N, C-alpha and C. Protein backbone atom coordinates (compact mmCIF):
# COMPACT_ATOMS: atom_id res chain seq x y z
N MET A 1 5.81 0.22 32.32
CA MET A 1 5.77 -0.79 31.27
C MET A 1 6.28 -2.14 31.78
N SER A 2 6.05 -3.17 31.02
CA SER A 2 6.42 -4.53 31.41
C SER A 2 7.93 -4.70 31.44
N ASP A 3 8.38 -5.68 32.23
CA ASP A 3 9.79 -6.02 32.23
C ASP A 3 10.22 -6.63 30.90
N LEU A 4 9.26 -6.95 30.02
CA LEU A 4 9.59 -7.42 28.68
C LEU A 4 10.35 -6.36 27.89
N ALA A 5 10.26 -5.12 28.34
CA ALA A 5 10.98 -4.05 27.65
C ALA A 5 12.48 -4.31 27.62
N ASP A 6 12.97 -5.11 28.57
CA ASP A 6 14.40 -5.44 28.59
C ASP A 6 14.81 -6.21 27.35
N ALA A 7 13.85 -6.82 26.65
CA ALA A 7 14.17 -7.58 25.44
C ALA A 7 14.44 -6.68 24.24
N ILE A 8 14.06 -5.42 24.34
CA ILE A 8 14.25 -4.50 23.22
C ILE A 8 15.65 -3.90 23.32
N PRO A 9 16.47 -4.09 22.29
CA PRO A 9 17.83 -3.55 22.35
C PRO A 9 17.83 -2.03 22.39
N GLU A 10 18.81 -1.47 23.06
CA GLU A 10 18.90 -0.01 23.12
C GLU A 10 19.49 0.58 21.86
N ASP A 11 20.31 -0.18 21.15
CA ASP A 11 21.01 0.34 19.98
C ASP A 11 20.26 0.02 18.70
N SER A 12 20.49 0.84 17.69
CA SER A 12 19.90 0.66 16.37
C SER A 12 20.89 -0.05 15.45
N ALA A 13 20.36 -0.78 14.47
CA ALA A 13 21.20 -1.39 13.44
C ALA A 13 21.08 -0.63 12.12
N MET A 14 20.49 0.55 12.16
CA MET A 14 20.30 1.34 10.95
C MET A 14 21.60 2.03 10.55
N THR A 15 21.88 2.01 9.25
CA THR A 15 23.05 2.72 8.73
C THR A 15 22.70 4.20 8.53
N GLY A 16 23.72 4.98 8.23
CA GLY A 16 23.47 6.38 7.93
C GLY A 16 22.54 6.55 6.74
N ALA A 17 22.71 5.68 5.74
CA ALA A 17 21.84 5.72 4.56
C ALA A 17 20.40 5.37 4.93
N ASP A 18 20.23 4.39 5.84
CA ASP A 18 18.89 4.03 6.30
C ASP A 18 18.22 5.23 6.97
N LEU A 19 18.96 5.88 7.85
CA LEU A 19 18.40 7.01 8.58
C LEU A 19 18.04 8.15 7.63
N GLN A 20 18.90 8.39 6.67
CA GLN A 20 18.62 9.45 5.69
C GLN A 20 17.36 9.12 4.89
N ALA A 21 17.22 7.86 4.49
CA ALA A 21 16.06 7.45 3.71
C ALA A 21 14.78 7.55 4.53
N ALA A 22 14.86 7.17 5.80
CA ALA A 22 13.68 7.24 6.67
C ALA A 22 13.23 8.69 6.84
N HIS A 23 14.18 9.58 7.02
CA HIS A 23 13.84 11.00 7.16
C HIS A 23 13.23 11.55 5.86
N ALA A 24 13.76 11.11 4.72
CA ALA A 24 13.33 11.66 3.43
C ALA A 24 11.99 11.12 2.96
N ALA A 25 11.62 9.92 3.38
CA ALA A 25 10.39 9.29 2.89
C ALA A 25 9.16 10.05 3.39
N ARG A 26 8.17 10.15 2.52
CA ARG A 26 6.91 10.75 2.93
C ARG A 26 6.23 9.86 3.96
N GLY A 27 5.56 10.49 4.91
CA GLY A 27 4.87 9.72 5.93
C GLY A 27 4.65 10.56 7.17
N PHE A 28 4.05 9.93 8.18
CA PHE A 28 3.59 10.67 9.34
C PHE A 28 4.18 10.15 10.65
N MET A 29 5.22 9.33 10.56
CA MET A 29 5.80 8.74 11.77
C MET A 29 7.01 9.56 12.23
N PRO A 30 6.96 10.13 13.43
CA PRO A 30 8.14 10.83 13.97
C PRO A 30 9.32 9.87 14.12
N HIS A 31 10.51 10.42 14.02
CA HIS A 31 11.72 9.60 14.03
C HIS A 31 11.85 8.79 15.31
N ALA A 32 11.51 9.37 16.45
CA ALA A 32 11.64 8.63 17.72
C ALA A 32 10.73 7.41 17.73
N GLU A 33 9.55 7.53 17.18
CA GLU A 33 8.64 6.39 17.09
C GLU A 33 9.20 5.35 16.11
N GLY A 34 9.77 5.83 15.01
CA GLY A 34 10.36 4.92 14.04
C GLY A 34 11.51 4.11 14.62
N LEU A 35 12.31 4.75 15.46
CA LEU A 35 13.43 4.04 16.08
C LEU A 35 12.94 2.95 17.03
N LEU A 36 11.86 3.23 17.78
CA LEU A 36 11.31 2.18 18.64
C LEU A 36 10.76 1.05 17.78
N LEU A 37 10.11 1.38 16.68
CA LEU A 37 9.62 0.36 15.75
C LEU A 37 10.77 -0.53 15.29
N HIS A 38 11.86 0.10 14.92
CA HIS A 38 13.05 -0.63 14.45
C HIS A 38 13.63 -1.51 15.55
N ARG A 39 13.76 -0.98 16.74
CA ARG A 39 14.37 -1.73 17.84
C ARG A 39 13.49 -2.91 18.26
N ALA A 40 12.16 -2.71 18.24
CA ALA A 40 11.27 -3.83 18.54
C ALA A 40 11.41 -4.92 17.48
N ALA A 41 11.58 -4.51 16.22
CA ALA A 41 11.76 -5.49 15.15
C ALA A 41 13.06 -6.27 15.32
N LEU A 42 14.10 -5.63 15.84
CA LEU A 42 15.34 -6.35 16.12
C LEU A 42 15.12 -7.43 17.18
N ALA A 43 14.20 -7.17 18.10
CA ALA A 43 13.96 -8.11 19.20
C ALA A 43 13.02 -9.24 18.82
N ALA A 44 12.40 -9.13 17.64
CA ALA A 44 11.29 -10.04 17.31
C ALA A 44 11.73 -11.43 16.87
N GLY A 45 13.00 -11.67 16.75
CA GLY A 45 13.46 -13.00 16.37
C GLY A 45 13.59 -13.16 14.87
N GLY A 46 13.57 -14.42 14.40
CA GLY A 46 13.89 -14.68 13.00
C GLY A 46 12.71 -14.85 12.08
N GLY A 47 11.49 -14.82 12.60
CA GLY A 47 10.33 -15.05 11.75
C GLY A 47 9.95 -13.86 10.90
N PRO A 48 9.11 -14.07 9.89
CA PRO A 48 8.64 -12.97 9.04
C PRO A 48 7.87 -11.93 9.86
N MET A 49 7.94 -10.69 9.40
CA MET A 49 7.19 -9.59 9.99
C MET A 49 6.19 -9.08 8.96
N LEU A 50 5.15 -8.40 9.43
CA LEU A 50 4.15 -7.83 8.53
C LEU A 50 3.69 -6.49 9.04
N GLU A 51 3.63 -5.53 8.15
CA GLU A 51 3.04 -4.24 8.49
C GLU A 51 1.80 -4.02 7.64
N ILE A 52 0.81 -3.36 8.22
CA ILE A 52 -0.39 -2.96 7.49
C ILE A 52 -0.36 -1.45 7.39
N GLY A 53 -0.22 -0.96 6.18
CA GLY A 53 -0.14 0.48 5.95
C GLY A 53 1.27 0.91 5.59
N GLY A 54 1.73 0.56 4.40
CA GLY A 54 3.09 0.89 3.99
C GLY A 54 3.25 2.31 3.50
N TYR A 55 2.18 2.89 2.93
CA TYR A 55 2.16 4.24 2.38
C TYR A 55 3.37 4.46 1.48
N CYS A 56 4.26 5.38 1.81
CA CYS A 56 5.40 5.68 0.93
C CYS A 56 6.70 5.05 1.41
N GLY A 57 6.64 4.15 2.39
CA GLY A 57 7.80 3.36 2.76
C GLY A 57 8.58 3.80 3.98
N LYS A 58 8.14 4.85 4.67
CA LYS A 58 8.91 5.31 5.83
C LYS A 58 9.04 4.23 6.89
N SER A 59 7.91 3.66 7.33
CA SER A 59 7.98 2.63 8.36
C SER A 59 8.68 1.37 7.86
N ALA A 60 8.58 1.11 6.55
CA ALA A 60 9.24 -0.07 5.99
C ALA A 60 10.75 0.05 6.04
N VAL A 61 11.27 1.26 6.04
CA VAL A 61 12.72 1.45 6.19
C VAL A 61 13.15 1.06 7.60
N TYR A 62 12.40 1.50 8.60
CA TYR A 62 12.73 1.14 9.98
C TYR A 62 12.62 -0.37 10.20
N LEU A 63 11.55 -0.97 9.69
CA LEU A 63 11.36 -2.41 9.86
C LEU A 63 12.26 -3.22 8.94
N GLY A 64 12.39 -2.77 7.70
CA GLY A 64 13.18 -3.50 6.72
C GLY A 64 14.66 -3.54 7.07
N SER A 65 15.17 -2.47 7.64
CA SER A 65 16.58 -2.49 8.03
C SER A 65 16.80 -3.47 9.17
N ALA A 66 15.80 -3.66 10.04
CA ALA A 66 15.91 -4.69 11.08
C ALA A 66 15.83 -6.08 10.47
N ALA A 67 14.96 -6.24 9.47
CA ALA A 67 14.87 -7.54 8.78
C ALA A 67 16.20 -7.89 8.12
N ARG A 68 16.82 -6.91 7.50
CA ARG A 68 18.13 -7.14 6.88
C ARG A 68 19.15 -7.57 7.92
N HIS A 69 19.16 -6.91 9.06
CA HIS A 69 20.14 -7.19 10.11
C HIS A 69 20.01 -8.61 10.64
N ARG A 70 18.77 -9.12 10.74
CA ARG A 70 18.57 -10.45 11.31
C ARG A 70 18.22 -11.50 10.27
N GLY A 71 18.39 -11.16 8.99
CA GLY A 71 18.15 -12.13 7.94
C GLY A 71 16.70 -12.52 7.79
N GLY A 72 15.79 -11.59 8.06
CA GLY A 72 14.37 -11.86 7.98
C GLY A 72 13.73 -11.22 6.76
N VAL A 73 12.41 -11.04 6.84
CA VAL A 73 11.68 -10.43 5.74
C VAL A 73 10.49 -9.67 6.31
N LEU A 74 10.17 -8.56 5.66
CA LEU A 74 9.00 -7.76 6.01
C LEU A 74 8.02 -7.80 4.85
N PHE A 75 6.78 -8.20 5.13
CA PHE A 75 5.70 -8.08 4.16
C PHE A 75 4.95 -6.79 4.48
N SER A 76 4.81 -5.94 3.49
CA SER A 76 4.14 -4.66 3.68
C SER A 76 2.82 -4.67 2.92
N VAL A 77 1.71 -4.73 3.65
CA VAL A 77 0.38 -4.85 3.05
C VAL A 77 -0.26 -3.46 2.95
N ASP A 78 -0.66 -3.10 1.74
CA ASP A 78 -1.31 -1.80 1.53
C ASP A 78 -1.96 -1.82 0.16
N HIS A 79 -3.17 -1.27 0.06
CA HIS A 79 -3.79 -1.12 -1.26
C HIS A 79 -3.23 0.09 -2.00
N HIS A 80 -2.51 0.95 -1.27
CA HIS A 80 -1.83 2.12 -1.83
C HIS A 80 -2.78 3.13 -2.46
N ARG A 81 -4.03 3.12 -2.03
CA ARG A 81 -4.99 4.14 -2.44
C ARG A 81 -5.26 5.15 -1.33
N GLY A 82 -4.52 5.02 -0.24
CA GLY A 82 -4.62 5.99 0.84
C GLY A 82 -5.75 5.73 1.81
N SER A 83 -5.53 6.09 3.06
CA SER A 83 -6.58 6.01 4.07
C SER A 83 -7.57 7.16 3.86
N GLU A 84 -8.62 7.15 4.68
CA GLU A 84 -9.67 8.14 4.53
C GLU A 84 -9.13 9.57 4.61
N GLU A 85 -8.20 9.79 5.53
CA GLU A 85 -7.68 11.13 5.75
C GLU A 85 -6.65 11.56 4.70
N ASN A 86 -6.25 10.63 3.83
CA ASN A 86 -5.27 10.93 2.78
C ASN A 86 -5.91 11.35 1.46
N GLN A 87 -7.23 11.26 1.37
CA GLN A 87 -7.90 11.50 0.10
C GLN A 87 -7.88 12.98 -0.28
N PRO A 88 -7.95 13.28 -1.59
CA PRO A 88 -7.97 14.68 -2.03
C PRO A 88 -9.05 15.48 -1.29
N GLY A 89 -8.62 16.64 -0.80
CA GLY A 89 -9.53 17.50 -0.05
C GLY A 89 -9.52 17.26 1.44
N GLU A 90 -8.90 16.16 1.89
CA GLU A 90 -8.84 15.87 3.32
C GLU A 90 -7.57 16.45 3.95
N LEU A 91 -7.55 16.48 5.27
CA LEU A 91 -6.49 17.18 6.00
C LEU A 91 -5.10 16.64 5.70
N TYR A 92 -4.96 15.31 5.57
CA TYR A 92 -3.64 14.71 5.42
C TYR A 92 -3.37 14.25 3.99
N CYS A 93 -3.97 14.94 3.03
CA CYS A 93 -3.69 14.62 1.63
C CYS A 93 -2.40 15.29 1.19
N ASP A 94 -1.49 14.51 0.61
CA ASP A 94 -0.26 15.03 0.01
C ASP A 94 -0.45 14.98 -1.50
N SER A 95 -0.50 16.14 -2.13
CA SER A 95 -0.79 16.18 -3.56
C SER A 95 0.24 15.42 -4.39
N ALA A 96 1.44 15.21 -3.82
CA ALA A 96 2.50 14.52 -4.56
C ALA A 96 2.17 13.05 -4.77
N VAL A 97 1.27 12.48 -3.97
CA VAL A 97 0.93 11.07 -4.13
C VAL A 97 -0.41 10.88 -4.85
N VAL A 98 -0.94 11.94 -5.42
CA VAL A 98 -2.17 11.85 -6.20
C VAL A 98 -1.81 11.73 -7.67
N ASP A 99 -2.28 10.69 -8.31
CA ASP A 99 -2.03 10.46 -9.74
C ASP A 99 -2.75 11.54 -10.55
N VAL A 100 -2.00 12.30 -11.33
CA VAL A 100 -2.59 13.43 -12.06
C VAL A 100 -3.55 12.97 -13.15
N GLN A 101 -3.40 11.74 -13.63
CA GLN A 101 -4.28 11.23 -14.68
C GLN A 101 -5.60 10.73 -14.14
N THR A 102 -5.57 10.09 -12.98
CA THR A 102 -6.79 9.50 -12.42
C THR A 102 -7.40 10.34 -11.30
N GLY A 103 -6.60 11.22 -10.69
CA GLY A 103 -7.08 11.99 -9.55
C GLY A 103 -7.16 11.19 -8.27
N LYS A 104 -6.64 9.95 -8.29
CA LYS A 104 -6.67 9.07 -7.13
C LYS A 104 -5.30 9.00 -6.46
N VAL A 105 -5.32 8.75 -5.15
CA VAL A 105 -4.08 8.51 -4.42
C VAL A 105 -3.43 7.24 -4.96
N ASP A 106 -2.12 7.31 -5.18
CA ASP A 106 -1.35 6.12 -5.57
C ASP A 106 0.03 6.24 -4.95
N SER A 107 0.18 5.65 -3.77
CA SER A 107 1.46 5.75 -3.05
C SER A 107 2.44 4.65 -3.43
N LEU A 108 2.03 3.68 -4.27
CA LEU A 108 2.90 2.56 -4.59
C LEU A 108 4.20 2.99 -5.27
N PRO A 109 4.18 3.88 -6.28
CA PRO A 109 5.47 4.28 -6.88
C PRO A 109 6.43 4.89 -5.86
N HIS A 110 5.90 5.64 -4.91
CA HIS A 110 6.74 6.27 -3.88
C HIS A 110 7.30 5.21 -2.94
N PHE A 111 6.46 4.22 -2.59
CA PHE A 111 6.93 3.13 -1.75
C PHE A 111 8.06 2.38 -2.44
N ARG A 112 7.86 2.02 -3.70
CA ARG A 112 8.87 1.26 -4.42
C ARG A 112 10.18 2.04 -4.54
N ARG A 113 10.06 3.34 -4.78
CA ARG A 113 11.27 4.15 -4.91
C ARG A 113 12.03 4.21 -3.59
N THR A 114 11.30 4.37 -2.49
CA THR A 114 11.96 4.41 -1.17
C THR A 114 12.71 3.12 -0.90
N ILE A 115 12.08 1.98 -1.13
CA ILE A 115 12.71 0.69 -0.84
C ILE A 115 13.88 0.43 -1.78
N GLU A 116 13.73 0.80 -3.04
CA GLU A 116 14.82 0.61 -4.00
C GLU A 116 16.02 1.48 -3.63
N GLU A 117 15.77 2.75 -3.34
CA GLU A 117 16.88 3.67 -3.05
C GLU A 117 17.58 3.32 -1.74
N THR A 118 16.87 2.64 -0.84
CA THR A 118 17.49 2.23 0.43
C THR A 118 18.19 0.88 0.32
N GLY A 119 18.01 0.22 -0.82
CA GLY A 119 18.64 -1.09 -1.00
C GLY A 119 18.01 -2.19 -0.18
N LEU A 120 16.70 -2.09 0.06
CA LEU A 120 16.04 -3.06 0.93
C LEU A 120 15.13 -4.01 0.17
N GLU A 121 15.24 -4.07 -1.14
CA GLU A 121 14.32 -4.89 -1.93
C GLU A 121 14.42 -6.38 -1.60
N ALA A 122 15.56 -6.81 -1.12
CA ALA A 122 15.72 -8.23 -0.78
C ALA A 122 15.06 -8.59 0.55
N TRP A 123 14.65 -7.58 1.32
CA TRP A 123 14.10 -7.84 2.65
C TRP A 123 12.69 -7.28 2.84
N VAL A 124 12.20 -6.51 1.88
CA VAL A 124 10.86 -5.91 1.98
C VAL A 124 10.04 -6.32 0.77
N VAL A 125 8.90 -6.96 1.02
CA VAL A 125 8.01 -7.44 -0.04
C VAL A 125 6.71 -6.66 0.02
N ALA A 126 6.40 -5.92 -1.04
CA ALA A 126 5.13 -5.19 -1.11
C ALA A 126 4.01 -6.15 -1.48
N VAL A 127 2.96 -6.17 -0.67
CA VAL A 127 1.76 -6.96 -0.95
C VAL A 127 0.65 -5.94 -1.21
N VAL A 128 0.26 -5.80 -2.47
CA VAL A 128 -0.69 -4.76 -2.86
C VAL A 128 -2.10 -5.33 -2.84
N GLY A 129 -2.90 -4.89 -1.88
CA GLY A 129 -4.27 -5.36 -1.75
C GLY A 129 -4.84 -4.92 -0.42
N SER A 130 -6.12 -5.11 -0.25
CA SER A 130 -6.76 -4.73 1.01
C SER A 130 -6.38 -5.71 2.12
N SER A 131 -6.25 -5.18 3.31
CA SER A 131 -5.86 -6.01 4.45
C SER A 131 -6.80 -7.20 4.68
N PRO A 132 -8.13 -7.00 4.68
CA PRO A 132 -9.00 -8.17 4.92
C PRO A 132 -8.86 -9.25 3.85
N LEU A 133 -8.69 -8.84 2.59
CA LEU A 133 -8.55 -9.82 1.52
C LEU A 133 -7.26 -10.62 1.68
N VAL A 134 -6.16 -9.91 1.94
CA VAL A 134 -4.88 -10.60 2.11
C VAL A 134 -4.94 -11.51 3.34
N ALA A 135 -5.53 -11.00 4.43
CA ALA A 135 -5.60 -11.79 5.66
C ALA A 135 -6.40 -13.07 5.46
N SER A 136 -7.42 -13.02 4.63
CA SER A 136 -8.27 -14.20 4.44
C SER A 136 -7.52 -15.34 3.76
N HIS A 137 -6.38 -15.04 3.15
CA HIS A 137 -5.59 -16.07 2.48
C HIS A 137 -4.23 -16.27 3.13
N TRP A 138 -3.98 -15.58 4.25
CA TRP A 138 -2.66 -15.61 4.88
C TRP A 138 -2.48 -16.88 5.71
N CYS A 139 -1.30 -17.49 5.63
CA CYS A 139 -1.03 -18.73 6.38
C CYS A 139 0.29 -18.70 7.15
N THR A 140 1.11 -17.69 6.94
CA THR A 140 2.46 -17.69 7.49
C THR A 140 2.50 -17.14 8.91
N PRO A 141 3.08 -17.85 9.87
CA PRO A 141 3.25 -17.32 11.22
C PRO A 141 4.14 -16.07 11.20
N LEU A 142 3.83 -15.13 12.07
CA LEU A 142 4.52 -13.85 12.10
C LEU A 142 5.20 -13.63 13.44
N SER A 143 6.39 -13.06 13.40
CA SER A 143 7.08 -12.71 14.64
C SER A 143 6.72 -11.31 15.10
N LEU A 144 6.23 -10.48 14.18
CA LEU A 144 5.86 -9.10 14.52
C LEU A 144 4.76 -8.64 13.58
N LEU A 145 3.76 -7.95 14.14
CA LEU A 145 2.68 -7.34 13.37
C LEU A 145 2.61 -5.87 13.74
N PHE A 146 2.68 -5.01 12.73
CA PHE A 146 2.57 -3.56 12.93
C PHE A 146 1.29 -3.08 12.26
N ILE A 147 0.36 -2.54 13.04
CA ILE A 147 -0.92 -2.07 12.52
C ILE A 147 -0.89 -0.55 12.39
N ASP A 148 -0.97 -0.09 11.14
CA ASP A 148 -0.98 1.35 10.86
C ASP A 148 -1.77 1.60 9.58
N GLY A 149 -2.90 0.92 9.45
CA GLY A 149 -3.71 1.02 8.24
C GLY A 149 -4.83 2.03 8.39
N GLY A 150 -6.02 1.69 7.86
CA GLY A 150 -7.15 2.59 7.95
C GLY A 150 -7.56 2.86 9.39
N HIS A 151 -8.05 4.08 9.65
CA HIS A 151 -8.32 4.50 11.02
C HIS A 151 -9.80 4.55 11.34
N THR A 152 -10.66 3.98 10.49
CA THR A 152 -12.05 3.80 10.89
C THR A 152 -12.12 2.61 11.84
N GLU A 153 -13.18 2.54 12.62
CA GLU A 153 -13.34 1.40 13.53
C GLU A 153 -13.35 0.09 12.74
N GLU A 154 -14.08 0.07 11.63
CA GLU A 154 -14.18 -1.15 10.84
C GLU A 154 -12.82 -1.59 10.32
N ALA A 155 -12.07 -0.64 9.75
CA ALA A 155 -10.78 -0.99 9.16
C ALA A 155 -9.77 -1.42 10.22
N ALA A 156 -9.68 -0.67 11.31
CA ALA A 156 -8.69 -0.97 12.34
C ALA A 156 -8.96 -2.33 13.00
N HIS A 157 -10.22 -2.61 13.30
CA HIS A 157 -10.54 -3.89 13.93
C HIS A 157 -10.38 -5.05 12.94
N ALA A 158 -10.63 -4.79 11.65
CA ALA A 158 -10.41 -5.84 10.65
C ALA A 158 -8.93 -6.18 10.53
N ASP A 159 -8.07 -5.16 10.61
CA ASP A 159 -6.62 -5.41 10.57
C ASP A 159 -6.21 -6.30 11.74
N TYR A 160 -6.71 -5.97 12.91
CA TYR A 160 -6.38 -6.74 14.12
C TYR A 160 -6.90 -8.16 14.02
N ALA A 161 -8.19 -8.29 13.69
CA ALA A 161 -8.82 -9.61 13.65
C ALA A 161 -8.23 -10.49 12.55
N GLY A 162 -7.80 -9.87 11.45
CA GLY A 162 -7.30 -10.64 10.33
C GLY A 162 -5.91 -11.20 10.54
N PHE A 163 -5.06 -10.46 11.25
CA PHE A 163 -3.65 -10.87 11.31
C PHE A 163 -3.14 -11.27 12.69
N VAL A 164 -3.76 -10.81 13.76
CA VAL A 164 -3.29 -11.21 15.09
C VAL A 164 -3.29 -12.73 15.27
N PRO A 165 -4.28 -13.47 14.72
CA PRO A 165 -4.23 -14.93 14.86
C PRO A 165 -2.98 -15.57 14.25
N HIS A 166 -2.28 -14.83 13.39
CA HIS A 166 -1.09 -15.38 12.76
C HIS A 166 0.20 -15.04 13.51
N LEU A 167 0.09 -14.26 14.58
CA LEU A 167 1.27 -14.00 15.42
C LEU A 167 1.66 -15.28 16.13
N ASP A 168 2.95 -15.58 16.14
CA ASP A 168 3.38 -16.76 16.88
C ASP A 168 3.25 -16.50 18.38
N GLY A 169 3.47 -17.50 19.18
CA GLY A 169 3.18 -17.42 20.60
C GLY A 169 3.89 -16.31 21.33
N SER A 170 5.05 -15.91 20.86
CA SER A 170 5.81 -14.83 21.50
C SER A 170 5.89 -13.61 20.61
N GLY A 171 4.98 -13.52 19.63
CA GLY A 171 5.05 -12.44 18.65
C GLY A 171 4.77 -11.07 19.24
N TRP A 172 5.29 -10.07 18.57
CA TRP A 172 5.17 -8.67 18.99
C TRP A 172 4.07 -7.99 18.20
N LEU A 173 3.23 -7.22 18.89
CA LEU A 173 2.16 -6.44 18.28
C LEU A 173 2.44 -4.97 18.50
N LEU A 174 2.50 -4.21 17.41
CA LEU A 174 2.74 -2.78 17.49
C LEU A 174 1.58 -2.05 16.83
N ILE A 175 1.09 -1.01 17.49
CA ILE A 175 -0.06 -0.25 17.01
C ILE A 175 0.31 1.22 16.98
N HIS A 176 0.06 1.88 15.86
CA HIS A 176 0.39 3.29 15.71
C HIS A 176 -0.86 4.16 15.84
N ASP A 177 -0.63 5.42 16.17
CA ASP A 177 -1.70 6.43 16.30
C ASP A 177 -2.67 6.08 17.42
N VAL A 178 -2.13 5.66 18.55
CA VAL A 178 -2.93 5.36 19.73
C VAL A 178 -3.05 6.64 20.57
N PHE A 179 -4.24 7.21 20.59
CA PHE A 179 -4.49 8.44 21.33
C PHE A 179 -5.62 8.20 22.33
N GLY A 180 -5.32 8.29 23.61
CA GLY A 180 -6.33 8.11 24.62
C GLY A 180 -7.32 9.26 24.67
N ASP A 181 -6.88 10.45 24.31
CA ASP A 181 -7.74 11.64 24.32
C ASP A 181 -8.25 11.90 22.91
N PRO A 182 -9.57 11.92 22.70
CA PRO A 182 -10.10 12.16 21.36
C PRO A 182 -9.64 13.48 20.75
N ALA A 183 -9.25 14.44 21.60
CA ALA A 183 -8.78 15.72 21.08
C ALA A 183 -7.45 15.59 20.36
N ASP A 184 -6.72 14.50 20.63
CA ASP A 184 -5.40 14.31 20.02
C ASP A 184 -5.45 13.54 18.71
N GLY A 185 -6.52 12.78 18.48
CA GLY A 185 -6.59 12.00 17.25
C GLY A 185 -7.74 11.01 17.29
N GLY A 186 -7.95 10.33 16.17
CA GLY A 186 -9.02 9.35 16.04
C GLY A 186 -8.89 8.23 17.05
N GLN A 187 -10.02 7.63 17.41
CA GLN A 187 -10.06 6.68 18.51
C GLN A 187 -9.96 5.22 18.10
N ALA A 188 -10.09 4.91 16.82
CA ALA A 188 -10.09 3.50 16.41
C ALA A 188 -8.81 2.76 16.82
N PRO A 189 -7.61 3.30 16.56
CA PRO A 189 -6.41 2.58 17.01
C PRO A 189 -6.35 2.41 18.53
N PHE A 190 -6.84 3.41 19.26
CA PHE A 190 -6.89 3.28 20.73
C PHE A 190 -7.82 2.15 21.14
N HIS A 191 -8.95 2.03 20.48
CA HIS A 191 -9.88 0.95 20.80
C HIS A 191 -9.28 -0.42 20.48
N VAL A 192 -8.52 -0.50 19.40
CA VAL A 192 -7.84 -1.75 19.07
C VAL A 192 -6.78 -2.07 20.13
N TYR A 193 -6.07 -1.05 20.57
CA TYR A 193 -5.09 -1.22 21.65
C TYR A 193 -5.77 -1.76 22.92
N CYS A 194 -6.91 -1.18 23.28
CA CYS A 194 -7.65 -1.66 24.46
C CYS A 194 -8.11 -3.10 24.26
N ARG A 195 -8.54 -3.42 23.05
CA ARG A 195 -8.96 -4.79 22.74
C ARG A 195 -7.80 -5.77 22.93
N ALA A 196 -6.62 -5.36 22.48
CA ALA A 196 -5.45 -6.22 22.64
C ALA A 196 -5.14 -6.48 24.11
N LEU A 197 -5.24 -5.45 24.94
CA LEU A 197 -5.00 -5.63 26.37
C LEU A 197 -6.03 -6.57 26.97
N GLU A 198 -7.28 -6.44 26.54
CA GLU A 198 -8.34 -7.31 27.06
C GLU A 198 -8.12 -8.77 26.62
N GLU A 199 -7.44 -8.95 25.49
CA GLU A 199 -7.25 -10.30 24.96
C GLU A 199 -5.89 -10.89 25.30
N GLY A 200 -5.22 -10.33 26.30
CA GLY A 200 -4.04 -10.99 26.84
C GLY A 200 -2.70 -10.39 26.49
N PHE A 201 -2.67 -9.32 25.70
CA PHE A 201 -1.41 -8.67 25.41
C PHE A 201 -1.03 -7.76 26.58
N ARG A 202 0.27 -7.54 26.73
CA ARG A 202 0.79 -6.66 27.77
C ARG A 202 1.61 -5.54 27.15
N ASP A 203 1.54 -4.37 27.77
CA ASP A 203 2.37 -3.26 27.33
C ASP A 203 3.85 -3.60 27.54
N VAL A 204 4.65 -3.29 26.52
CA VAL A 204 6.09 -3.46 26.61
C VAL A 204 6.79 -2.12 26.59
N ALA A 205 6.42 -1.26 25.65
CA ALA A 205 7.07 0.03 25.50
C ALA A 205 6.15 0.97 24.75
N ALA A 206 6.44 2.26 24.84
CA ALA A 206 5.66 3.27 24.14
C ALA A 206 6.54 4.45 23.78
N GLU A 207 6.21 5.09 22.68
CA GLU A 207 6.87 6.32 22.26
C GLU A 207 5.86 7.11 21.44
N GLY A 208 5.51 8.31 21.92
CA GLY A 208 4.51 9.08 21.22
C GLY A 208 3.21 8.30 21.13
N SER A 209 2.72 8.11 19.91
CA SER A 209 1.47 7.37 19.72
C SER A 209 1.69 5.90 19.39
N LEU A 210 2.95 5.43 19.44
CA LEU A 210 3.27 4.04 19.13
C LEU A 210 3.24 3.20 20.40
N ARG A 211 2.53 2.07 20.33
CA ARG A 211 2.48 1.14 21.46
C ARG A 211 3.05 -0.21 21.03
N VAL A 212 3.88 -0.77 21.90
CA VAL A 212 4.49 -2.07 21.67
C VAL A 212 3.93 -3.03 22.71
N LEU A 213 3.37 -4.15 22.23
CA LEU A 213 2.75 -5.12 23.12
C LEU A 213 3.24 -6.52 22.81
N ARG A 214 3.04 -7.42 23.79
CA ARG A 214 3.41 -8.81 23.63
C ARG A 214 2.59 -9.66 24.57
N ARG A 215 2.32 -10.86 24.20
CA ARG A 215 1.57 -11.76 25.08
C ARG A 215 2.46 -12.19 26.25
């Protein structure tokens, strides 16, 4: 990995309550990957951060606790209707996030509860809407962008194309679910990762399927 990895602190700023909340929140991010996410956010400086794919708030705890530590803010963009693999009948559907009245995925109440119970409401802002729509109106420079939204080629590349232009010159780009081998997982995040390398980003660090990059 790049010598830029030296910029990532080794220690966490998460409290015991933060760690407990991260473990308890529904989601698919292993703790070791979450800690790298948190530590990269600590290194990202004072500008706003943005994640695509908040789901039930697990990643927002890792990022939001870093925002609290450095006096920043995390914008969490998600339509909260679930990715393709989260839909009823699909492999990664959690029946607890399906609204019994509508039969549709609705992760927003779970996200709000996670952030409220962790005491991070002053540092985490939920932006409810599709990533391309929000990106088309976005104007704020970002110190960190975390892509963990839809895993189709169209969705993943739209997330990248919509928000990477808003990264500041030294901004950090993090991509989740990067699997080089198709047998391990879907290829769209891997293709976005390859696109980022082709467009001037460099590897900084990795843990599991999480990749940390920087220009």
